[in-house]
Amino acid sequence: MAEREKGTVKWFNERKGFGFIERESGSDVFVHFSSIKDSGFKTLKDGQAVEFTVVSSEKGENAEEVTPL
C-alpha cells in the first residue's frame, strides 16, 4: 500500500473538476475530483490541507484517495 502524504491545495477548478496539490516536499501533484474521498459535492478549496497517496501514470503523478483535513 502506498504511503500517505500531506499537502496543501494549490488551486482547484470546480467547473473543470481538477487542480493541483503542493506536497510537503515542495513538488506539485495533479488531483481529479473523482479521487476526493468526501461525501456530497467533491471539491477542494485553495489553501486547504489534505492527505493523499501518489500514483504514477503515463501523464505523471496523480493524487489518489484525497482526504480533506
N, C-alpha and C. Protein backbone atom coordinates (compact mmCIF):
# COMPACT_ATOMS: atom_id res chain seq x y z
N MET A 1 0.84 -1.19 0.00
CA MET A 1 0.00 0.00 0.00
C MET A 1 0.89 1.25 0.00
N ALA A 2 0.49 2.23 -0.76
CA ALA A 2 1.27 3.46 -0.87
C ALA A 2 1.22 4.27 0.42
N GLU A 3 2.32 4.96 0.68
CA GLU A 3 2.41 5.78 1.88
C GLU A 3 1.60 7.07 1.69
N ARG A 4 0.88 7.48 2.73
CA ARG A 4 0.07 8.70 2.67
C ARG A 4 0.97 9.91 2.86
N GLU A 5 0.65 10.97 2.12
CA GLU A 5 1.39 12.22 2.20
C GLU A 5 0.43 13.33 2.60
N LYS A 6 0.99 14.44 3.05
CA LYS A 6 0.19 15.62 3.35
C LYS A 6 0.61 16.75 2.43
N GLY A 7 -0.33 17.64 2.16
CA GLY A 7 -0.04 18.77 1.31
C GLY A 7 -1.13 19.82 1.42
N THR A 8 -1.03 20.82 0.56
CA THR A 8 -1.96 21.94 0.54
C THR A 8 -2.47 22.13 -0.88
N VAL A 9 -3.77 22.36 -1.01
CA VAL A 9 -4.35 22.58 -2.34
C VAL A 9 -3.80 23.88 -2.90
N LYS A 10 -3.12 23.79 -4.03
CA LYS A 10 -2.56 24.97 -4.70
C LYS A 10 -3.68 25.72 -5.42
N TRP A 11 -4.45 24.99 -6.21
CA TRP A 11 -5.68 25.51 -6.82
C TRP A 11 -6.54 24.35 -7.27
N PHE A 12 -7.85 24.59 -7.33
CA PHE A 12 -8.80 23.58 -7.77
C PHE A 12 -9.93 24.26 -8.51
N ASN A 13 -10.20 23.84 -9.74
CA ASN A 13 -11.25 24.41 -10.57
C ASN A 13 -12.49 23.52 -10.46
N GLU A 14 -13.52 23.99 -9.75
CA GLU A 14 -14.74 23.19 -9.57
C GLU A 14 -15.42 22.88 -10.89
N ARG A 15 -15.42 23.83 -11.81
CA ARG A 15 -16.10 23.64 -13.10
C ARG A 15 -15.44 22.53 -13.92
N LYS A 16 -14.11 22.52 -13.93
CA LYS A 16 -13.38 21.51 -14.71
C LYS A 16 -13.13 20.23 -13.91
N GLY A 17 -13.20 20.32 -12.58
CA GLY A 17 -13.06 19.13 -11.75
C GLY A 17 -11.65 18.65 -11.49
N PHE A 18 -10.68 19.56 -11.60
CA PHE A 18 -9.30 19.16 -11.30
C PHE A 18 -8.50 20.35 -10.80
N GLY A 19 -7.30 20.03 -10.29
CA GLY A 19 -6.40 21.06 -9.79
C GLY A 19 -5.07 20.45 -9.41
N PHE A 20 -4.34 21.15 -8.55
CA PHE A 20 -3.03 20.67 -8.11
C PHE A 20 -2.87 20.84 -6.61
N ILE A 21 -2.16 19.88 -6.03
CA ILE A 21 -1.82 19.90 -4.60
C ILE A 21 -0.32 20.10 -4.50
N GLU A 22 0.09 21.01 -3.61
CA GLU A 22 1.52 21.19 -3.33
C GLU A 22 1.88 20.24 -2.20
N ARG A 23 2.80 19.32 -2.49
CA ARG A 23 3.23 18.35 -1.49
C ARG A 23 4.14 19.03 -0.47
N GLU A 24 4.25 18.42 0.70
CA GLU A 24 5.16 18.96 1.72
C GLU A 24 6.59 18.98 1.21
N SER A 25 6.92 18.08 0.27
CA SER A 25 8.26 18.05 -0.31
C SER A 25 8.48 19.21 -1.28
N GLY A 26 7.41 19.92 -1.64
CA GLY A 26 7.52 21.10 -2.49
C GLY A 26 7.05 20.90 -3.91
N SER A 27 7.01 19.66 -4.41
CA SER A 27 6.56 19.44 -5.78
C SER A 27 5.03 19.40 -5.84
N ASP A 28 4.49 19.61 -7.03
CA ASP A 28 3.04 19.62 -7.21
C ASP A 28 2.58 18.28 -7.78
N VAL A 29 1.33 17.92 -7.45
CA VAL A 29 0.75 16.68 -7.96
C VAL A 29 -0.69 16.98 -8.41
N PHE A 30 -1.07 16.40 -9.55
CA PHE A 30 -2.39 16.58 -10.14
C PHE A 30 -3.46 15.90 -9.28
N VAL A 31 -4.63 16.52 -9.17
CA VAL A 31 -5.76 15.90 -8.47
C VAL A 31 -7.03 16.06 -9.30
N HIS A 32 -7.78 14.97 -9.44
CA HIS A 32 -9.06 14.96 -10.15
C HIS A 32 -10.16 14.77 -9.11
N PHE A 33 -11.34 15.37 -9.35
CA PHE A 33 -12.41 15.31 -8.36
C PHE A 33 -12.80 13.88 -8.00
N SER A 34 -12.64 12.93 -8.92
CA SER A 34 -13.01 11.54 -8.64
C SER A 34 -12.11 10.89 -7.59
N SER A 35 -10.97 11.53 -7.28
CA SER A 35 -10.03 11.00 -6.28
C SER A 35 -10.29 11.53 -4.88
N ILE A 36 -11.28 12.43 -4.74
CA ILE A 36 -11.58 13.04 -3.44
C ILE A 36 -12.50 12.12 -2.66
N LYS A 37 -12.06 11.74 -1.45
CA LYS A 37 -12.86 10.88 -0.59
C LYS A 37 -13.64 11.76 0.38
N ASP A 38 -14.83 12.17 -0.05
CA ASP A 38 -15.68 13.04 0.76
C ASP A 38 -17.10 12.81 0.30
N SER A 39 -18.06 12.95 1.19
CA SER A 39 -19.45 12.78 0.79
C SER A 39 -19.96 14.07 0.16
N GLY A 40 -20.99 13.95 -0.65
CA GLY A 40 -21.57 15.13 -1.29
C GLY A 40 -20.75 15.61 -2.47
N PHE A 41 -20.80 16.91 -2.73
CA PHE A 41 -20.11 17.52 -3.87
C PHE A 41 -18.61 17.47 -3.63
N LYS A 42 -17.88 16.81 -4.51
CA LYS A 42 -16.44 16.60 -4.32
C LYS A 42 -15.65 17.78 -4.87
N THR A 43 -15.18 18.62 -3.96
CA THR A 43 -14.39 19.78 -4.35
C THR A 43 -13.34 20.05 -3.28
N LEU A 44 -12.38 20.88 -3.62
CA LEU A 44 -11.34 21.31 -2.69
C LEU A 44 -11.22 22.82 -2.75
N LYS A 45 -10.80 23.42 -1.67
CA LYS A 45 -10.61 24.87 -1.60
C LYS A 45 -9.13 25.20 -1.65
N ASP A 46 -8.79 26.30 -2.32
CA ASP A 46 -7.40 26.75 -2.37
C ASP A 46 -6.87 26.94 -0.95
N GLY A 47 -5.69 26.41 -0.67
CA GLY A 47 -5.08 26.54 0.65
C GLY A 47 -5.52 25.48 1.65
N GLN A 48 -6.43 24.60 1.26
CA GLN A 48 -6.94 23.56 2.16
C GLN A 48 -5.89 22.47 2.37
N ALA A 49 -5.75 22.01 3.62
CA ALA A 49 -4.84 20.92 3.94
C ALA A 49 -5.50 19.60 3.57
N VAL A 50 -4.72 18.70 2.96
CA VAL A 50 -5.24 17.40 2.54
C VAL A 50 -4.20 16.30 2.80
N GLU A 51 -4.70 15.07 2.82
CA GLU A 51 -3.84 13.89 2.92
C GLU A 51 -4.17 13.01 1.72
N PHE A 52 -3.19 12.33 1.14
CA PHE A 52 -3.40 11.60 -0.10
C PHE A 52 -2.29 10.59 -0.34
N THR A 53 -2.50 9.73 -1.32
CA THR A 53 -1.44 8.85 -1.82
C THR A 53 -1.10 9.31 -3.23
N VAL A 54 0.10 8.99 -3.70
CA VAL A 54 0.54 9.39 -5.03
C VAL A 54 0.70 8.14 -5.90
N VAL A 55 0.12 8.21 -7.10
CA VAL A 55 0.19 7.12 -8.06
C VAL A 55 0.78 7.67 -9.35
N SER A 56 1.72 6.94 -9.94
CA SER A 56 2.31 7.36 -11.22
C SER A 56 1.47 6.84 -12.38
N SER A 57 1.32 7.69 -13.40
CA SER A 57 0.59 7.30 -14.61
C SER A 57 1.40 7.74 -15.82
N GLU A 58 0.86 7.51 -17.01
CA GLU A 58 1.54 7.92 -18.24
C GLU A 58 1.75 9.43 -18.29
N LYS A 59 0.83 10.17 -17.68
CA LYS A 59 0.88 11.64 -17.73
C LYS A 59 1.61 12.26 -16.54
N GLY A 60 2.10 11.44 -15.62
CA GLY A 60 2.79 11.97 -14.45
C GLY A 60 2.19 11.45 -13.17
N GLU A 61 2.44 12.15 -12.08
CA GLU A 61 1.94 11.71 -10.77
C GLU A 61 0.56 12.29 -10.49
N ASN A 62 -0.30 11.45 -9.92
CA ASN A 62 -1.66 11.84 -9.57
C ASN A 62 -1.91 11.58 -8.10
N ALA A 63 -2.67 12.47 -7.47
CA ALA A 63 -3.10 12.25 -6.09
C ALA A 63 -4.33 11.35 -6.11
N GLU A 64 -4.36 10.35 -5.24
CA GLU A 64 -5.49 9.44 -5.10
C GLU A 64 -5.91 9.41 -3.64
N GLU A 65 -7.13 8.96 -3.39
CA GLU A 65 -7.65 8.83 -2.02
C GLU A 65 -7.42 10.13 -1.24
N VAL A 66 -7.79 11.26 -1.84
CA VAL A 66 -7.58 12.58 -1.24
C VAL A 66 -8.60 12.80 -0.14
N THR A 67 -8.11 13.09 1.07
CA THR A 67 -8.97 13.34 2.22
C THR A 67 -8.70 14.73 2.77
N PRO A 68 -9.72 15.60 2.79
CA PRO A 68 -9.54 16.92 3.41
C PRO A 68 -9.25 16.76 4.90
N LEU A 69 -8.36 17.59 5.44
CA LEU A 69 -8.03 17.54 6.87
C LEU A 69 -8.74 18.64 7.63
